[in-house]
Amino acid sequence: MQNIIFYARRLGALLYDGFLLVAFWLLATFCLVLAKGHGLVAPGTGTVAKAPYWLFLLVIAWAFFSWFWSHGGQTLGMRAWKLQLHLAVRHDENREKHPSSVSWGRASQRFVVTLAVWIVGAAVVITPVWDLTTSIHLPFATRVTALLFTWIAVSFLLSLVPICHGKTLIDTLSGTSIVSVA
């Protein structure tokens, strides 16, 4: 039961931080539009130039998570749900000695690993879900919505479900772990 509560808290922190990140993205986009004006919009399309803009959002996400993880080991969502990021330490090392000494490099590594796991999760999910929604003749918008929600669910599962010694795939590959704090 305690494991279920722990993973529910992780999900709560993930959702909380997701909403905060979207708010940062909206604010940054607003500032970018104010600064660049119409130069941000691709000529003739009325849309934002895609690749640089997505890279801009990715850099904001990296800075958001890496800064919080390397300054106290907690994002705002993790702080609200009483979780903290720690370096994965061997059992013979004293965890209390360096409870949250996560460097920018290690925080960046965790961000890249998370992104890679989510992209692989998307790649595994996209084709079967798209084929299924096409075979039952759903409208395009419904298929895209189903695909998006399925990918989000798979990403959450890959972020939350323990696979090895009580650690998630992201924890294992990044050399960090999320623990409860009192």
Protein backbone atom coordinates (compact mmCIF):
# COMPACT_ATOMS: atom_id res chain seq x y z
CA MET A 1 0.00 0.00 0.00
CA GLN A 2 2.86 2.36 0.80
CA ASN A 3 4.33 1.80 -2.70
CA ILE A 4 0.99 2.76 -4.27
CA ILE A 5 0.93 5.97 -2.24
CA PHE A 6 4.54 6.73 -3.22
CA TYR A 7 3.82 6.29 -6.93
CA ALA A 8 0.58 8.28 -6.64
CA ARG A 9 2.68 11.10 -5.13
CA ARG A 10 5.14 10.81 -8.02
CA LEU A 11 2.25 11.07 -10.47
CA GLY A 12 0.93 14.10 -8.59
CA ALA A 13 4.34 15.78 -8.75
CA LEU A 14 4.66 14.93 -12.44
CA LEU A 15 1.28 16.49 -13.21
CA TYR A 16 2.00 19.54 -11.02
CA ASP A 17 5.34 20.12 -12.75
CA GLY A 18 3.74 19.55 -16.14
CA PHE A 19 1.24 22.34 -15.51
CA LEU A 20 4.02 24.62 -14.26
CA LEU A 21 6.10 23.87 -17.35
CA VAL A 22 3.17 24.71 -19.64
CA ALA A 23 2.78 27.99 -17.76
CA PHE A 24 6.49 28.76 -18.27
CA TRP A 25 6.14 27.89 -21.96
CA LEU A 26 3.16 30.23 -22.31
CA LEU A 27 5.01 33.05 -20.55
CA ALA A 28 8.16 32.50 -22.61
CA THR A 29 6.15 32.40 -25.83
CA PHE A 30 4.39 35.62 -24.86
CA CYS A 31 7.77 37.29 -24.19
CA LEU A 32 9.16 35.92 -27.45
CA VAL A 33 6.22 37.28 -29.43
CA LEU A 34 6.59 40.66 -27.72
CA ALA A 35 10.31 40.73 -28.47
CA LYS A 36 10.22 39.40 -32.03
CA GLY A 37 6.81 40.61 -33.12
CA HIS A 38 5.83 39.40 -36.56
CA GLY A 39 9.37 38.14 -37.20
CA LEU A 40 8.47 35.04 -35.20
CA VAL A 41 5.74 34.04 -37.65
CA ALA A 42 6.81 32.25 -40.82
CA PRO A 43 5.89 34.29 -43.93
CA GLY A 44 2.73 33.19 -45.71
CA THR A 45 1.80 30.52 -43.15
CA GLY A 46 0.69 32.47 -40.11
CA THR A 47 2.39 29.88 -37.89
CA VAL A 48 5.48 29.93 -35.74
CA ALA A 49 8.64 28.62 -37.39
CA LYS A 50 8.48 25.10 -36.03
CA ALA A 51 12.01 23.76 -35.47
CA PRO A 52 13.52 26.79 -33.70
CA TYR A 53 10.39 27.25 -31.61
CA TRP A 54 10.33 23.59 -30.47
CA LEU A 55 14.03 23.84 -29.64
CA PHE A 56 13.24 27.00 -27.64
CA LEU A 57 10.55 25.12 -25.66
CA LEU A 58 12.90 22.15 -25.13
CA VAL A 59 15.61 24.43 -23.74
CA ILE A 60 13.08 25.99 -21.35
CA ALA A 61 12.03 22.52 -20.15
CA TRP A 62 15.66 21.48 -19.68
CA ALA A 63 16.48 24.69 -17.75
CA PHE A 64 13.35 24.34 -15.59
CA PHE A 65 14.03 20.78 -14.48
CA SER A 66 17.83 20.94 -14.34
CA TRP A 67 17.83 24.10 -12.27
CA PHE A 68 15.38 22.74 -9.71
CA TRP A 69 17.05 19.31 -9.54
CA SER A 70 20.51 20.82 -9.08
CA HIS A 71 19.30 23.35 -6.48
CA GLY A 72 17.90 21.23 -3.67
CA GLY A 73 16.82 18.19 -5.67
CA GLN A 74 13.17 19.25 -5.81
CA THR A 75 10.95 20.86 -8.40
CA LEU A 76 7.95 22.76 -7.06
CA GLY A 77 5.75 19.72 -7.70
CA MET A 78 8.20 17.45 -5.89
CA ARG A 79 8.31 19.87 -2.96
CA ALA A 80 4.49 19.94 -2.76
CA TRP A 81 4.32 16.13 -2.82
CA LYS A 82 7.34 15.72 -0.48
CA LEU A 83 9.68 14.02 -2.94
CA GLN A 84 13.35 14.66 -3.65
CA LEU A 85 15.83 13.64 -6.32
CA HIS A 86 18.93 11.89 -5.01
CA LEU A 87 21.98 10.43 -6.60
CA ALA A 88 21.76 6.66 -6.69
CA VAL A 89 24.19 5.52 -4.01
CA ARG A 90 25.45 2.12 -3.04
CA HIS A 91 24.15 0.67 0.22
CA ASP A 92 27.50 1.15 1.95
CA GLU A 93 27.55 4.92 1.26
CA ASN A 94 25.94 7.36 3.66
CA ARG A 95 22.87 8.81 1.91
CA GLU A 96 22.42 11.45 4.62
CA LYS A 97 25.89 12.85 3.94
CA HIS A 98 24.94 14.12 0.45
CA PRO A 99 21.16 13.82 0.19
CA SER A 100 20.58 15.96 -2.87
CA SER A 101 23.94 16.75 -4.40
CA VAL A 102 22.72 16.46 -7.98
CA SER A 103 24.96 18.39 -10.38
CA TRP A 104 23.83 20.25 -13.49
CA GLY A 105 25.40 17.45 -15.53
CA ARG A 106 23.52 14.71 -13.69
CA ALA A 107 20.27 16.71 -13.82
CA SER A 108 20.79 17.20 -17.56
CA GLN A 109 21.47 13.49 -17.94
CA ARG A 110 18.18 12.69 -16.20
CA PHE A 111 16.35 15.15 -18.46
CA VAL A 112 17.86 13.63 -21.63
CA VAL A 113 17.12 10.07 -20.42
CA THR A 114 13.52 11.04 -19.65
CA LEU A 115 13.13 12.64 -23.05
CA ALA A 116 14.63 9.59 -24.78
CA VAL A 117 12.38 7.17 -22.86
CA TRP A 118 9.32 9.25 -23.71
CA ILE A 119 10.28 9.42 -27.41
CA VAL A 120 10.84 5.65 -27.54
CA GLY A 121 7.51 5.20 -25.75
CA ALA A 122 5.87 7.38 -28.40
CA ALA A 123 7.50 5.41 -31.20
CA VAL A 124 6.26 2.13 -29.76
CA VAL A 125 2.72 3.49 -29.28
CA ILE A 126 2.14 5.59 -32.40
CA THR A 127 1.85 2.93 -35.09
CA PRO A 128 -0.46 0.42 -33.35
CA VAL A 129 -2.78 3.11 -31.97
CA TRP A 130 -2.91 4.93 -35.30
CA ASP A 131 -3.64 1.66 -37.14
CA LEU A 132 -6.36 0.78 -34.64
CA THR A 133 -8.07 4.17 -34.86
CA THR A 134 -7.84 4.08 -38.66
CA SER A 135 -9.31 0.58 -38.88
CA ILE A 136 -12.40 1.61 -36.90
CA HIS A 137 -12.81 4.71 -39.11
CA LEU A 138 -12.54 7.41 -36.47
CA PRO A 139 -12.30 11.05 -37.60
CA PHE A 140 -8.77 12.45 -37.89
CA ALA A 141 -9.08 14.76 -34.85
CA THR A 142 -10.31 11.85 -32.71
CA ARG A 143 -7.40 9.68 -33.88
CA VAL A 144 -4.88 12.40 -33.01
CA THR A 145 -6.51 12.91 -29.59
CA ALA A 146 -6.47 9.16 -28.89
CA LEU A 147 -2.82 9.01 -29.95
CA LEU A 148 -1.87 11.94 -27.73
CA PHE A 149 -3.62 10.57 -24.65
CA THR A 150 -2.19 7.09 -25.21
CA TRP A 151 1.32 8.53 -25.53
CA ILE A 152 0.86 10.58 -22.34
CA ALA A 153 -0.36 7.47 -20.49
CA VAL A 154 2.61 5.41 -21.73
CA SER A 155 5.03 8.21 -20.79
CA PHE A 156 3.55 8.36 -17.29
CA LEU A 157 3.86 4.59 -16.94
CA LEU A 158 7.47 4.62 -18.13
CA SER A 159 8.17 7.41 -15.64
CA LEU A 160 6.43 5.79 -12.69
CA VAL A 161 6.45 2.00 -12.91
CA PRO A 162 9.42 0.32 -11.20
CA ILE A 163 11.26 -2.17 -13.38
CA CYS A 164 14.44 -3.05 -11.49
CA HIS A 165 14.95 -3.12 -7.71
CA GLY A 166 12.07 -0.69 -7.17
CA LYS A 167 13.53 1.88 -9.59
CA THR A 168 11.97 3.17 -12.79
CA LEU A 169 13.72 2.89 -16.14
CA ILE A 170 14.55 6.61 -15.96
CA ASP A 171 15.98 6.26 -12.43
CA THR A 172 18.09 3.29 -13.50
CA LEU A 173 19.49 4.89 -16.68
CA SER A 174 20.18 8.31 -15.11
CA GLY A 175 21.84 7.12 -11.91
CA THR A 176 19.37 9.05 -9.77
CA SER A 177 16.30 8.17 -7.78
CA ILE A 178 13.29 9.91 -6.34
CA VAL A 179 12.69 9.34 -2.66
CA SER A 180 10.11 10.43 -0.10
CA VAL A 181 11.09 13.15 2.34
CA ALA A 182 9.30 13.91 5.59
